């Protein structure tokens, strides 16, 4: 089973209840598994700024990041793969910081 098989018909990946120790790895694997042109909606309990920085560092020019909604404990962003990945992506779990 790949990470994208966990996406429902709404393409939502809700990680609010997933421990930070595995959250980033799951999100990154979901992105890696996408075909160019596909997207998913990431739903998180806080603004995923560290994750966006990680995407910018590891996948420059291959994604778009659009806010869907932003509430105090519920943030959703649409992540679309717009370019092919080069080389083997580093799917490494990262901490969510102090969240």
N, C-alpha and C. Protein backbone atom coordinates (compact mmCIF):
# COMPACT_ATOMS: atom_id res chain seq x y z
N UNK A 1 0.84 -1.17 0.00
CA UNK A 1 0.00 0.00 0.00
C UNK A 1 0.89 1.24 0.00
N UNK A 2 0.57 2.18 -0.89
CA UNK A 2 1.31 3.43 -0.92
C UNK A 2 0.56 4.49 -0.12
N UNK A 3 1.24 5.57 0.14
CA UNK A 3 0.61 6.64 0.91
C UNK A 3 -0.61 7.19 0.18
N UNK A 4 -0.57 7.25 -1.16
CA UNK A 4 -1.69 7.82 -1.88
C UNK A 4 -2.92 6.93 -1.83
N UNK A 5 -2.77 5.65 -1.52
CA UNK A 5 -3.95 4.81 -1.38
C UNK A 5 -4.72 5.16 -0.12
N UNK A 6 -4.14 5.96 0.75
CA UNK A 6 -4.83 6.41 1.96
C UNK A 6 -5.69 7.64 1.68
N UNK A 7 -5.58 8.19 0.48
CA UNK A 7 -6.38 9.35 0.12
C UNK A 7 -7.76 8.90 -0.32
N UNK A 8 -8.78 9.61 0.14
CA UNK A 8 -10.14 9.31 -0.28
C UNK A 8 -10.46 10.03 -1.58
N UNK A 9 -11.70 9.95 -2.01
CA UNK A 9 -12.09 10.61 -3.27
C UNK A 9 -11.94 12.13 -3.20
N UNK A 10 -11.91 12.69 -1.99
CA UNK A 10 -11.71 14.14 -1.84
C UNK A 10 -10.24 14.53 -1.87
N UNK A 11 -9.34 13.54 -2.01
CA UNK A 11 -7.88 13.74 -2.07
C UNK A 11 -7.33 14.35 -0.79
N UNK A 12 -8.04 14.15 0.34
CA UNK A 12 -7.65 14.73 1.63
C UNK A 12 -6.73 13.78 2.40
N UNK A 13 -5.65 14.31 2.94
CA UNK A 13 -4.79 13.59 3.86
C UNK A 13 -4.84 14.34 5.18
N UNK A 14 -5.61 13.82 6.12
CA UNK A 14 -5.81 14.46 7.42
C UNK A 14 -4.79 13.89 8.40
N UNK A 15 -3.82 14.70 8.79
CA UNK A 15 -2.74 14.22 9.66
C UNK A 15 -2.84 14.81 11.07
N UNK A 16 -3.98 15.40 11.40
CA UNK A 16 -4.12 16.05 12.71
C UNK A 16 -3.91 15.09 13.87
N UNK A 17 -4.27 13.83 13.72
CA UNK A 17 -4.15 12.86 14.82
C UNK A 17 -2.93 11.96 14.68
N UNK A 18 -2.08 12.21 13.70
CA UNK A 18 -0.90 11.37 13.48
C UNK A 18 0.28 11.96 14.25
N UNK A 19 1.03 11.13 14.98
CA UNK A 19 2.18 11.64 15.74
C UNK A 19 3.21 12.31 14.83
N UNK A 20 3.78 13.38 15.33
CA UNK A 20 4.79 14.12 14.56
C UNK A 20 5.95 13.24 14.12
N UNK A 21 6.24 12.23 14.88
CA UNK A 21 7.39 11.37 14.55
C UNK A 21 7.24 10.67 13.21
N UNK A 22 6.01 10.52 12.71
CA UNK A 22 5.81 9.88 11.41
C UNK A 22 5.09 10.77 10.40
N UNK A 23 4.58 11.90 10.85
CA UNK A 23 3.75 12.77 10.01
C UNK A 23 4.46 13.25 8.76
N UNK A 24 5.65 13.83 8.90
CA UNK A 24 6.34 14.39 7.74
C UNK A 24 6.69 13.31 6.72
N UNK A 25 7.14 12.16 7.19
CA UNK A 25 7.45 11.06 6.26
C UNK A 25 6.24 10.63 5.46
N UNK A 26 5.09 10.55 6.09
CA UNK A 26 3.85 10.17 5.42
C UNK A 26 3.46 11.21 4.38
N UNK A 27 3.56 12.48 4.74
CA UNK A 27 3.20 13.56 3.81
C UNK A 27 4.13 13.55 2.61
N UNK A 28 5.41 13.43 2.85
CA UNK A 28 6.38 13.42 1.76
C UNK A 28 6.17 12.22 0.85
N UNK A 29 5.93 11.05 1.44
CA UNK A 29 5.70 9.86 0.62
C UNK A 29 4.44 10.02 -0.22
N UNK A 30 3.40 10.66 0.33
CA UNK A 30 2.19 10.92 -0.43
C UNK A 30 2.51 11.79 -1.64
N UNK A 31 3.32 12.82 -1.45
CA UNK A 31 3.73 13.67 -2.56
C UNK A 31 4.54 12.89 -3.58
N UNK A 32 5.51 12.13 -3.13
CA UNK A 32 6.36 11.36 -4.04
C UNK A 32 5.53 10.41 -4.89
N UNK A 33 4.50 9.80 -4.31
CA UNK A 33 3.66 8.84 -5.02
C UNK A 33 2.73 9.46 -6.06
N UNK A 34 2.55 10.78 -6.02
CA UNK A 34 1.68 11.44 -6.99
C UNK A 34 2.28 11.43 -8.38
N UNK A 35 1.42 11.36 -9.39
CA UNK A 35 1.85 11.59 -10.77
C UNK A 35 1.88 13.10 -10.98
N UNK A 36 2.66 13.56 -11.94
CA UNK A 36 2.70 14.98 -12.27
C UNK A 36 1.29 15.41 -12.67
N UNK A 37 0.83 16.51 -12.08
CA UNK A 37 -0.51 17.02 -12.32
C UNK A 37 -1.51 16.64 -11.24
N UNK A 38 -1.18 15.64 -10.41
CA UNK A 38 -2.07 15.25 -9.32
C UNK A 38 -1.80 16.10 -8.09
N UNK A 39 -2.77 16.09 -7.17
CA UNK A 39 -2.65 16.87 -5.95
C UNK A 39 -3.25 16.10 -4.78
N UNK A 40 -3.01 16.62 -3.59
CA UNK A 40 -3.74 16.20 -2.40
C UNK A 40 -3.93 17.41 -1.51
N UNK A 41 -4.91 17.32 -0.63
CA UNK A 41 -5.18 18.37 0.34
C UNK A 41 -4.64 17.89 1.68
N UNK A 42 -3.69 18.62 2.21
CA UNK A 42 -3.11 18.30 3.51
C UNK A 42 -3.90 19.05 4.57
N UNK A 43 -4.43 18.32 5.55
CA UNK A 43 -5.16 18.94 6.66
C UNK A 43 -4.37 18.70 7.92
N UNK A 44 -4.02 19.77 8.61
CA UNK A 44 -3.13 19.69 9.76
C UNK A 44 -3.68 20.56 10.89
N UNK A 45 -3.21 20.34 12.08
CA UNK A 45 -3.67 21.09 13.24
C UNK A 45 -2.94 22.40 13.46
N UNK A 46 -1.96 22.71 12.61
CA UNK A 46 -1.21 23.97 12.69
C UNK A 46 -0.66 24.28 11.32
N UNK A 47 -0.19 25.50 11.15
CA UNK A 47 0.40 25.91 9.88
C UNK A 47 1.69 25.10 9.66
N UNK A 48 1.76 24.33 8.57
CA UNK A 48 2.93 23.45 8.37
C UNK A 48 4.12 24.17 7.73
N UNK A 49 4.54 25.26 8.33
CA UNK A 49 5.65 26.05 7.79
C UNK A 49 6.94 25.23 7.67
N UNK A 50 7.37 24.48 8.71
CA UNK A 50 8.60 23.69 8.56
C UNK A 50 8.51 22.69 7.41
N UNK A 51 7.33 22.12 7.20
CA UNK A 51 7.15 21.18 6.09
C UNK A 51 7.31 21.89 4.75
N UNK A 52 6.76 23.08 4.63
CA UNK A 52 6.90 23.82 3.37
C UNK A 52 8.37 24.13 3.10
N UNK A 53 9.12 24.52 4.12
CA UNK A 53 10.55 24.76 3.94
C UNK A 53 11.26 23.48 3.49
N UNK A 54 10.85 22.36 4.04
CA UNK A 54 11.44 21.08 3.65
C UNK A 54 11.13 20.78 2.18
N UNK A 55 9.89 21.00 1.75
CA UNK A 55 9.52 20.82 0.35
C UNK A 55 10.36 21.72 -0.55
N UNK A 56 10.50 22.99 -0.16
CA UNK A 56 11.27 23.93 -0.97
C UNK A 56 12.72 23.49 -1.11
N UNK A 57 13.28 22.91 -0.06
CA UNK A 57 14.67 22.46 -0.10
C UNK A 57 14.84 21.16 -0.89
N UNK A 58 13.90 20.23 -0.73
CA UNK A 58 14.05 18.91 -1.34
C UNK A 58 13.41 18.76 -2.72
N UNK A 59 12.38 19.58 -3.00
CA UNK A 59 11.63 19.43 -4.25
C UNK A 59 11.45 20.76 -4.98
N UNK A 60 12.49 21.56 -5.14
CA UNK A 60 12.32 22.88 -5.75
C UNK A 60 11.74 22.77 -7.17
N UNK A 61 10.76 23.63 -7.44
CA UNK A 61 10.18 23.70 -8.77
C UNK A 61 9.26 22.57 -9.16
N UNK A 62 8.95 21.67 -8.23
CA UNK A 62 8.13 20.50 -8.58
C UNK A 62 6.76 20.51 -7.93
N UNK A 63 6.41 21.58 -7.19
CA UNK A 63 5.13 21.58 -6.50
C UNK A 63 4.57 22.99 -6.40
N UNK A 64 3.25 23.05 -6.20
CA UNK A 64 2.62 24.30 -5.81
C UNK A 64 1.99 24.06 -4.44
N UNK A 65 1.82 25.11 -3.69
CA UNK A 65 1.33 25.06 -2.30
C UNK A 65 0.28 26.16 -2.16
N UNK A 66 -0.98 25.79 -2.04
CA UNK A 66 -2.07 26.77 -1.99
C UNK A 66 -2.88 26.60 -0.72
N UNK A 67 -3.14 27.69 -0.03
CA UNK A 67 -4.01 27.64 1.15
C UNK A 67 -5.43 27.31 0.73
N UNK A 68 -6.05 26.39 1.46
CA UNK A 68 -7.46 26.05 1.26
C UNK A 68 -8.28 26.73 2.35
N UNK A 69 -7.88 26.51 3.61
CA UNK A 69 -8.46 27.25 4.72
C UNK A 69 -7.46 27.30 5.87
N UNK A 70 -7.66 28.31 6.72
CA UNK A 70 -6.72 28.55 7.81
C UNK A 70 -7.52 28.96 9.04
N UNK A 71 -7.69 28.02 9.96
CA UNK A 71 -8.38 28.26 11.22
C UNK A 71 -7.38 28.05 12.35
N UNK A 72 -7.70 28.42 13.58
CA UNK A 72 -6.72 28.29 14.66
C UNK A 72 -6.15 26.87 14.83
N UNK A 73 -6.97 25.85 14.78
CA UNK A 73 -6.49 24.47 14.97
C UNK A 73 -6.77 23.58 13.78
N UNK A 74 -6.96 24.17 12.62
CA UNK A 74 -7.29 23.40 11.42
C UNK A 74 -6.83 24.18 10.19
N UNK A 75 -5.76 23.70 9.59
CA UNK A 75 -5.19 24.34 8.40
C UNK A 75 -5.21 23.32 7.28
N UNK A 76 -5.61 23.75 6.09
CA UNK A 76 -5.59 22.86 4.93
C UNK A 76 -4.86 23.55 3.78
N UNK A 77 -3.97 22.82 3.12
CA UNK A 77 -3.26 23.32 1.96
C UNK A 77 -3.35 22.29 0.84
N UNK A 78 -3.43 22.79 -0.38
CA UNK A 78 -3.45 21.93 -1.56
C UNK A 78 -2.03 21.88 -2.11
N UNK A 79 -1.49 20.66 -2.18
CA UNK A 79 -0.14 20.45 -2.69
C UNK A 79 -0.27 19.72 -4.02
N UNK A 80 0.21 20.33 -5.08
CA UNK A 80 0.13 19.76 -6.43
C UNK A 80 1.52 19.49 -6.95
N UNK A 81 1.72 18.32 -7.53
CA UNK A 81 3.00 18.00 -8.16
C UNK A 81 2.96 18.55 -9.59
N UNK A 82 3.84 19.50 -9.88
CA UNK A 82 3.86 20.15 -11.19
C UNK A 82 5.08 19.78 -12.01
N UNK A 83 5.97 18.99 -11.45
CA UNK A 83 7.17 18.58 -12.17
C UNK A 83 7.67 17.25 -11.66
N UNK A 84 8.38 16.54 -12.53
CA UNK A 84 8.94 15.24 -12.16
C UNK A 84 10.07 15.43 -11.16
N UNK A 85 10.20 14.48 -10.27
CA UNK A 85 11.28 14.49 -9.28
C UNK A 85 12.53 13.91 -9.93
N UNK A 86 13.68 14.46 -9.57
CA UNK A 86 14.94 13.93 -10.08
C UNK A 86 15.68 13.28 -8.94
N UNK A 87 16.29 12.15 -9.22
CA UNK A 87 17.01 11.42 -8.19
C UNK A 87 16.08 10.75 -7.20
N UNK A 88 16.65 10.05 -6.27
CA UNK A 88 15.87 9.35 -5.25
C UNK A 88 15.51 10.34 -4.15
N UNK A 89 14.21 10.57 -3.92
CA UNK A 89 13.82 11.49 -2.84
C UNK A 89 14.21 10.94 -1.49
N UNK A 90 14.55 11.85 -0.60
CA UNK A 90 14.91 11.47 0.76
C UNK A 90 13.67 11.55 1.63
N UNK A 91 13.02 10.42 1.87
CA UNK A 91 11.85 10.41 2.72
C UNK A 91 12.31 10.09 4.12
N UNK A 92 12.55 11.17 4.87
CA UNK A 92 13.08 11.06 6.20
C UNK A 92 12.08 11.69 7.16
N UNK A 93 11.72 10.99 8.22
CA UNK A 93 10.81 11.62 9.16
C UNK A 93 11.48 12.82 9.82
N UNK A 94 10.75 13.89 9.92
CA UNK A 94 11.25 15.10 10.56
C UNK A 94 10.32 15.48 11.69
N UNK A 95 10.84 16.12 12.65
CA UNK A 95 10.03 16.59 13.78
C UNK A 95 9.15 17.74 13.33
N UNK A 96 8.03 17.89 13.99
CA UNK A 96 7.14 19.03 13.74
C UNK A 96 7.54 20.21 14.59
N UNK A 97 8.69 20.18 15.15
CA UNK A 97 9.12 21.28 16.00
C UNK A 97 8.41 21.21 17.34
N UNK A 98 7.89 22.33 17.79
CA UNK A 98 7.23 22.41 19.09
C UNK A 98 5.72 22.27 18.99
N UNK A 99 5.23 21.70 17.91
CA UNK A 99 3.77 21.56 17.70
C UNK A 99 3.30 20.24 18.23
